[in-house]
Amino acid sequence: MKKTFKCEVDCANCAAKMEDAVKKIEGVVSARVNFMTQKFTLEAADDVFDKVFDAAVKACKKVEPDCEIEA
């Protein structure tokens, strides 16, 4: 399953760090944080998508505490 979410991130460097952190999560097929469009795209298996998404949000918050990802 692949979904795109609105993601408020302050800078391109933070977006790159968030993307790297999410890619390290078990179950992630692909992840993309686009600073210019303020979009977060996550791809993971259907059966674990919600669990992976929750872990991805936590990983992003560690990098950028002000980050908001709207599900």
PDB file of N, CA and C in Angstrom:
ATOM      1  N   MET A   1       0.841  -1.169   0.000  1.00  0.00           N
ATOM      2  CA  MET A   1       0.000   0.000   0.000  1.00  0.00           C
ATOM      3  C   MET A   1       0.888   1.235   0.000  1.00  0.00           C
ATOM      4  N   LYS A   2       0.495   2.220  -0.798  1.00  0.00           N
ATOM      5  CA  LYS A   2       1.249   3.462  -0.884  1.00  0.00           C
ATOM      6  C   LYS A   2       0.286   4.614  -0.642  1.00  0.00           C
ATOM      7  N   LYS A   3       0.629   5.463   0.319  1.00  0.00           N
ATOM      8  CA  LYS A   3      -0.225   6.605   0.642  1.00  0.00           C
ATOM      9  C   LYS A   3       0.613   7.870   0.752  1.00  0.00           C
ATOM     10  N   THR A   4      -0.034   8.995   0.440  1.00  0.00           N
ATOM     11  CA  THR A   4       0.616  10.292   0.550  1.00  0.00           C
ATOM     12  C   THR A   4      -0.138  11.131   1.575  1.00  0.00           C
ATOM     13  N   PHE A   5       0.625  11.830   2.408  1.00  0.00           N
ATOM     14  CA  PHE A   5       0.057  12.635   3.487  1.00  0.00           C
ATOM     15  C   PHE A   5       0.601  14.058   3.403  1.00  0.00           C
ATOM     16  N   LYS A   6      -0.170  15.012   3.931  1.00  0.00           N
ATOM     17  CA  LYS A   6       0.315  16.381   4.048  1.00  0.00           C
ATOM     18  C   LYS A   6       1.315  16.405   5.198  1.00  0.00           C
ATOM     19  N   CYS A   7       2.439  17.046   4.962  1.00  0.00           N
ATOM     20  CA  CYS A   7       3.519  17.044   5.946  1.00  0.00           C
ATOM     21  C   CYS A   7       4.120  18.441   6.038  1.00  0.00           C
ATOM     22  N   GLU A   8       4.024  19.060   7.203  1.00  0.00           N
ATOM     23  CA  GLU A   8       4.605  20.384   7.397  1.00  0.00           C
ATOM     24  C   GLU A   8       6.022  20.221   7.938  1.00  0.00           C
ATOM     25  N   VAL A   9       6.979  20.551   7.088  1.00  0.00           N
ATOM     26  CA  VAL A   9       8.393  20.457   7.474  1.00  0.00           C
ATOM     27  C   VAL A   9       9.063  21.789   7.138  1.00  0.00           C
ATOM     28  N   ASP A  10       9.974  22.234   8.004  1.00  0.00           N
ATOM     29  CA  ASP A  10      10.527  23.580   7.914  1.00  0.00           C
ATOM     30  C   ASP A  10      11.663  23.771   6.909  1.00  0.00           C
ATOM     31  N   CYS A  11      12.440  22.720   6.642  1.00  0.00           N
ATOM     32  CA  CYS A  11      13.573  22.906   5.732  1.00  0.00           C
ATOM     33  C   CYS A  11      13.885  21.624   4.966  1.00  0.00           C
ATOM     34  N   ALA A  12      14.575  21.784   3.860  1.00  0.00           N
ATOM     35  CA  ALA A  12      14.909  20.646   3.003  1.00  0.00           C
ATOM     36  C   ALA A  12      15.839  19.670   3.717  1.00  0.00           C
ATOM     37  N   ASN A  13      16.755  20.176   4.531  1.00  0.00           N
ATOM     38  CA  ASN A  13      17.678  19.321   5.260  1.00  0.00           C
ATOM     39  C   ASN A  13      16.923  18.432   6.248  1.00  0.00           C
ATOM     40  N   CYS A  14      15.962  19.004   6.941  1.00  0.00           N
ATOM     41  CA  CYS A  14      15.151  18.221   7.881  1.00  0.00           C
ATOM     42  C   CYS A  14      14.347  17.161   7.134  1.00  0.00           C
ATOM     43  N   ALA A  15      13.814  17.529   5.978  1.00  0.00           N
ATOM     44  CA  ALA A  15      13.043  16.580   5.169  1.00  0.00           C
ATOM     45  C   ALA A  15      13.915  15.385   4.782  1.00  0.00           C
ATOM     46  N   ALA A  16      15.157  15.641   4.401  1.00  0.00           N
ATOM     47  CA  ALA A  16      16.077  14.559   4.021  1.00  0.00           C
ATOM     48  C   ALA A  16      16.391  13.664   5.220  1.00  0.00           C
ATOM     49  N   LYS A  17      16.602  14.275   6.388  1.00  0.00           N
ATOM     50  CA  LYS A  17      16.880  13.494   7.598  1.00  0.00           C
ATOM     51  C   LYS A  17      15.665  12.647   7.985  1.00  0.00           C
ATOM     52  N   MET A  18      14.464  13.212   7.856  1.00  0.00           N
ATOM     53  CA  MET A  18      13.248  12.474   8.171  1.00  0.00           C
ATOM     54  C   MET A  18      13.092  11.283   7.234  1.00  0.00           C
ATOM     55  N   GLU A  19      13.354  11.521   5.949  1.00  0.00           N
ATOM     56  CA  GLU A  19      13.246  10.450   4.955  1.00  0.00           C
ATOM     57  C   GLU A  19      14.215   9.313   5.280  1.00  0.00           C
ATOM     58  N   ASP A  20      15.450   9.646   5.618  1.00  0.00           N
ATOM     59  CA  ASP A  20      16.446   8.632   5.972  1.00  0.00           C
ATOM     60  C   ASP A  20      16.012   7.835   7.205  1.00  0.00           C
ATOM     61  N   ALA A  21      15.472   8.528   8.207  1.00  0.00           N
ATOM     62  CA  ALA A  21      15.034   7.855   9.430  1.00  0.00           C
ATOM     63  C   ALA A  21      13.885   6.893   9.145  1.00  0.00           C
ATOM     64  N   VAL A  22      12.946   7.296   8.314  1.00  0.00           N
ATOM     65  CA  VAL A  22      11.788   6.444   8.006  1.00  0.00           C
ATOM     66  C   VAL A  22      12.217   5.222   7.194  1.00  0.00           C
ATOM     67  N   LYS A  23      13.163   5.398   6.292  1.00  0.00           N
ATOM     68  CA  LYS A  23      13.624   4.281   5.459  1.00  0.00           C
ATOM     69  C   LYS A  23      14.268   3.169   6.282  1.00  0.00           C
ATOM     70  N   LYS A  24      14.729   3.481   7.493  1.00  0.00           N
ATOM     71  CA  LYS A  24      15.374   2.484   8.349  1.00  0.00           C
ATOM     72  C   LYS A  24      14.372   1.624   9.126  1.00  0.00           C
ATOM     73  N   ILE A  25      13.095   2.005   9.087  1.00  0.00           N
ATOM     74  CA  ILE A  25      12.064   1.280   9.832  1.00  0.00           C
ATOM     75  C   ILE A  25      11.741  -0.030   9.121  1.00  0.00           C
ATOM     76  N   GLU A  26      11.664  -1.096   9.910  1.00  0.00           N
ATOM     77  CA  GLU A  26      11.336  -2.413   9.351  1.00  0.00           C
ATOM     78  C   GLU A  26       9.929  -2.389   8.764  1.00  0.00           C
ATOM     79  N   GLY A  27       9.795  -2.868   7.537  1.00  0.00           N
ATOM     80  CA  GLY A  27       8.499  -2.922   6.871  1.00  0.00           C
ATOM     81  C   GLY A  27       8.302  -1.829   5.836  1.00  0.00           C
ATOM     82  N   VAL A  28       9.164  -0.822   5.835  1.00  0.00           N
ATOM     83  CA  VAL A  28       9.054   0.267   4.862  1.00  0.00           C
ATOM     84  C   VAL A  28       9.595  -0.201   3.517  1.00  0.00           C
ATOM     85  N   VAL A  29       8.761  -0.095   2.486  1.00  0.00           N
ATOM     86  CA  VAL A  29       9.194  -0.422   1.126  1.00  0.00           C
ATOM     87  C   VAL A  29       9.864   0.809   0.521  1.00  0.00           C
ATOM     88  N   SER A  30       9.213   1.973   0.669  1.00  0.00           N
ATOM     89  CA  SER A  30       9.802   3.231   0.216  1.00  0.00           C
ATOM     90  C   SER A  30       9.213   4.380   1.014  1.00  0.00           C
ATOM     91  N   ALA A  31       9.969   5.462   1.082  1.00  0.00           N
ATOM     92  CA  ALA A  31       9.516   6.654   1.793  1.00  0.00           C
ATOM     93  C   ALA A  31      10.078   7.877   1.082  1.00  0.00           C
ATOM     94  N   ARG A  32       9.277   8.936   1.052  1.00  0.00           N
ATOM     95  CA  ARG A  32       9.710  10.167   0.403  1.00  0.00           C
ATOM     96  C   ARG A  32       9.119  11.344   1.159  1.00  0.00           C
ATOM     97  N   VAL A  33       9.965  12.268   1.570  1.00  0.00           N
ATOM     98  CA  VAL A  33       9.522  13.503   2.194  1.00  0.00           C
ATOM     99  C   VAL A  33       9.928  14.630   1.256  1.00  0.00           C
ATOM    100  N   ASN A  34       8.931  15.318   0.687  1.00  0.00           N
ATOM    101  CA  ASN A  34       9.194  16.378  -0.270  1.00  0.00           C
ATOM    102  C   ASN A  34       8.951  17.730   0.390  1.00  0.00           C
ATOM    103  N   PHE A  35      10.029  18.473   0.584  1.00  0.00           N
ATOM    104  CA  PHE A  35       9.941  19.776   1.239  1.00  0.00           C
ATOM    105  C   PHE A  35       9.161  20.775   0.388  1.00  0.00           C
ATOM    106  N   MET A  36       9.384  20.767  -0.909  1.00  0.00           N
ATOM    107  CA  MET A  36       8.750  21.742  -1.795  1.00  0.00           C
ATOM    108  C   MET A  36       7.227  21.604  -1.839  1.00  0.00           C
ATOM    109  N   THR A  37       6.731  20.373  -1.885  1.00  0.00           N
ATOM    110  CA  THR A  37       5.288  20.158  -1.968  1.00  0.00           C
ATOM    111  C   THR A  37       4.661  19.893  -0.601  1.00  0.00           C
ATOM    112  N   GLN A  38       5.508  19.774   0.431  1.00  0.00           N
ATOM    113  CA  GLN A  38       5.030  19.489   1.796  1.00  0.00           C
ATOM    114  C   GLN A  38       4.233  18.180   1.824  1.00  0.00           C
ATOM    115  N   LYS A  39       4.775  17.146   1.160  1.00  0.00           N
ATOM    116  CA  LYS A  39       4.114  15.840   1.094  1.00  0.00           C
ATOM    117  C   LYS A  39       5.036  14.754   1.634  1.00  0.00           C
ATOM    118  N   PHE A  40       4.414  13.774   2.281  1.00  0.00           N
ATOM    119  CA  PHE A  40       5.118  12.597   2.801  1.00  0.00           C
ATOM    120  C   PHE A  40       4.462  11.367   2.178  1.00  0.00           C
ATOM    121  N   THR A  41       5.245  10.599   1.436  1.00  0.00           N
ATOM    122  CA  THR A  41       4.726   9.394   0.792  1.00  0.00           C
ATOM    123  C   THR A  41       5.366   8.185   1.441  1.00  0.00           C
ATOM    124  N   LEU A  42       4.525   7.241   1.836  1.00  0.00           N
ATOM    125  CA  LEU A  42       4.988   6.032   2.517  1.00  0.00           C
ATOM    126  C   LEU A  42       4.417   4.809   1.827  1.00  0.00           C
ATOM    127  N   GLU A  43       5.278   3.833   1.581  1.00  0.00           N
ATOM    128  CA  GLU A  43       4.838   2.565   1.005  1.00  0.00           C
ATOM    129  C   GLU A  43       5.274   1.439   1.922  1.00  0.00           C
ATOM    130  N   ALA A  44       4.288   0.587   2.277  1.00  0.00           N
ATOM    131  CA  ALA A  44       4.544  -0.569   3.139  1.00  0.00           C
ATOM    132  C   ALA A  44       3.480  -1.617   2.846  1.00  0.00           C
ATOM    133  N   ALA A  45       3.712  -2.830   3.313  1.00  0.00           N
ATOM    134  CA  ALA A  45       2.741  -3.912   3.117  1.00  0.00           C
ATOM    135  C   ALA A  45       1.424  -3.552   3.799  1.00  0.00           C
ATOM    136  N   ASP A  46       0.316  -3.970   3.181  1.00  0.00           N
ATOM    137  CA  ASP A  46      -1.021  -3.638   3.696  1.00  0.00           C
ATOM    138  C   ASP A  46      -1.226  -4.066   5.147  1.00  0.00           C
ATOM    139  N   ASP A  47      -0.773  -5.270   5.492  1.00  0.00           N
ATOM    140  CA  ASP A  47      -1.044  -5.814   6.826  1.00  0.00           C
ATOM    141  C   ASP A  47      -0.285  -5.103   7.951  1.00  0.00           C
ATOM    142  N   VAL A  48       0.784  -4.395   7.635  1.00  0.00           N
ATOM    143  CA  VAL A  48       1.557  -3.698   8.675  1.00  0.00           C
ATOM    144  C   VAL A  48       1.593  -2.183   8.452  1.00  0.00           C
ATOM    145  N   PHE A  49       0.808  -1.691   7.511  1.00  0.00           N
ATOM    146  CA  PHE A  49       0.901  -0.268   7.140  1.00  0.00           C
ATOM    147  C   PHE A  49       0.668   0.666   8.326  1.00  0.00           C
ATOM    148  N   ASP A  50      -0.394   0.429   9.095  1.00  0.00           N
ATOM    149  CA  ASP A  50      -0.702   1.325  10.218  1.00  0.00           C
ATOM    150  C   ASP A  50       0.411   1.345  11.257  1.00  0.00           C
ATOM    151  N   LYS A  51       0.968   0.176  11.544  1.00  0.00           N
ATOM    152  CA  LYS A  51       2.066   0.071  12.509  1.00  0.00           C
ATOM    153  C   LYS A  51       3.300   0.819  11.991  1.00  0.00           C
ATOM    154  N   VAL A  52       3.608   0.636  10.708  1.00  0.00           N
ATOM    155  CA  VAL A  52       4.757   1.308  10.096  1.00  0.00           C
ATOM    156  C   VAL A  52       4.528   2.823  10.057  1.00  0.00           C
ATOM    157  N   PHE A  53       3.299   3.245   9.741  1.00  0.00           N
ATOM    158  CA  PHE A  53       2.990   4.677   9.701  1.00  0.00           C
ATOM    159  C   PHE A  53       3.199   5.317  11.074  1.00  0.00           C
ATOM    160  N   ASP A  54       2.726   4.659  12.133  1.00  0.00           N
ATOM    161  CA  ASP A  54       2.915   5.187  13.489  1.00  0.00           C
ATOM    162  C   ASP A  54       4.397   5.318  13.833  1.00  0.00           C
ATOM    163  N   ALA A  55       5.178   4.316  13.455  1.00  0.00           N
ATOM    164  CA  ALA A  55       6.626   4.356  13.703  1.00  0.00           C
ATOM    165  C   ALA A  55       7.273   5.475  12.884  1.00  0.00           C
ATOM    166  N   ALA A  56       6.791   5.686  11.662  1.00  0.00           N
ATOM    167  CA  ALA A  56       7.332   6.738  10.799  1.00  0.00           C
ATOM    168  C   ALA A  56       7.060   8.117  11.382  1.00  0.00           C
ATOM    169  N   VAL A  57       5.862   8.323  11.915  1.00  0.00           N
ATOM    170  CA  VAL A  57       5.526   9.609  12.535  1.00  0.00           C
ATOM    171  C   VAL A  57       6.435   9.865  13.732  1.00  0.00           C
ATOM    172  N   LYS A  58       6.663   8.841  14.548  1.00  0.00           N
ATOM    173  CA  LYS A  58       7.548   8.983  15.709  1.00  0.00           C
ATOM    174  C   LYS A  58       8.980   9.315  15.272  1.00  0.00           C
ATOM    175  N   ALA A  59       9.449   8.643  14.212  1.00  0.00           N
ATOM    176  CA  ALA A  59      10.801   8.895  13.702  1.00  0.00           C
ATOM    177  C   ALA A  59      10.921  10.327  13.194  1.00  0.00           C
ATOM    178  N   CYS A  60       9.900  10.802  12.514  1.00  0.00           N
ATOM    179  CA  CYS A  60       9.919  12.172  12.000  1.00  0.00           C
ATOM    180  C   CYS A  60       9.909  13.182  13.138  1.00  0.00           C
ATOM    181  N   LYS A  61       9.154  12.905  14.188  1.00  0.00           N
ATOM    182  CA  LYS A  61       9.087  13.811  15.340  1.00  0.00           C
ATOM    183  C   LYS A  61      10.429  13.900  16.064  1.00  0.00           C
ATOM    184  N   LYS A  62      11.214  12.808  16.037  1.00  0.00           N
ATOM    185  CA  LYS A  62      12.539  12.838  16.667  1.00  0.00           C
ATOM    186  C   LYS A  62      13.460  13.790  15.907  1.00  0.00           C
ATOM    187  N   VAL A  63      13.344  13.802  14.582  1.00  0.00           N
ATOM    188  CA  VAL A  63      14.186  14.666  13.755  1.00  0.00           C
ATOM    189  C   VAL A  63      13.690  16.113  13.812  1.00  0.00           C
ATOM    190  N   GLU A  64      12.395  16.286  13.679  1.00  0.00           N
ATOM    191  CA  GLU A  64      11.772  17.616  13.617  1.00  0.00           C
ATOM    192  C   GLU A  64      10.553  17.639  14.533  1.00  0.00           C
ATOM    193  N   PRO A  65      10.722  18.024  15.790  1.00  0.00           N
ATOM    194  CA  PRO A  65       9.616  17.989  16.752  1.00  0.00           C
ATOM    195  C   PRO A  65       8.377  18.785  16.321  1.00  0.00           C
ATOM    196  N   ASP A  66       8.561  19.830  15.510  1.00  0.00           N
ATOM    197  CA  ASP A  66       7.441  20.659  15.068  1.00  0.00           C
ATOM    198  C   ASP A  66       6.711  20.083  13.857  1.00  0.00           C
ATOM    199  N   CYS A  67       7.219  19.006  13.313  1.00  0.00           N
ATOM    200  CA  CYS A  67       6.638  18.405  12.113  1.00  0.00           C
ATOM    201  C   CYS A  67       5.209  17.913  12.370  1.00  0.00           C
ATOM    202  N   GLU A  68       4.327  18.193  11.425  1.00  0.00           N
ATOM    203  CA  GLU A  68       2.946  17.707  11.510  1.00  0.00           C
ATOM    204  C   GLU A  68       2.653  16.869  10.275  1.00  0.00           C
ATOM    205  N   ILE A  69       2.243  15.628  10.487  1.00  0.00           N
ATOM    206  CA  ILE A  69       1.843  14.735   9.391  1.00  0.00           C
ATOM    207  C   ILE A  69       0.361  14.450   9.570  1.00  0.00           C
ATOM    208  N   GLU A  70      -0.416  14.862   8.591  1.00  0.00           N
ATOM    209  CA  GLU A  70      -1.859  14.706   8.677  1.00  0.00           C
ATOM    210  C   GLU A  70      -2.305  13.428   7.991  1.00  0.00           C
ATOM    211  N   ALA A  71      -2.866  12.515   8.766  1.00  0.00           N
ATOM    212  CA  ALA A  71      -3.322  11.235   8.228  1.00  0.00           C
ATOM    213  C   ALA A  71      -4.649  11.380   7.512  1.00  0.00           C
TER     214      ALA A  71
END
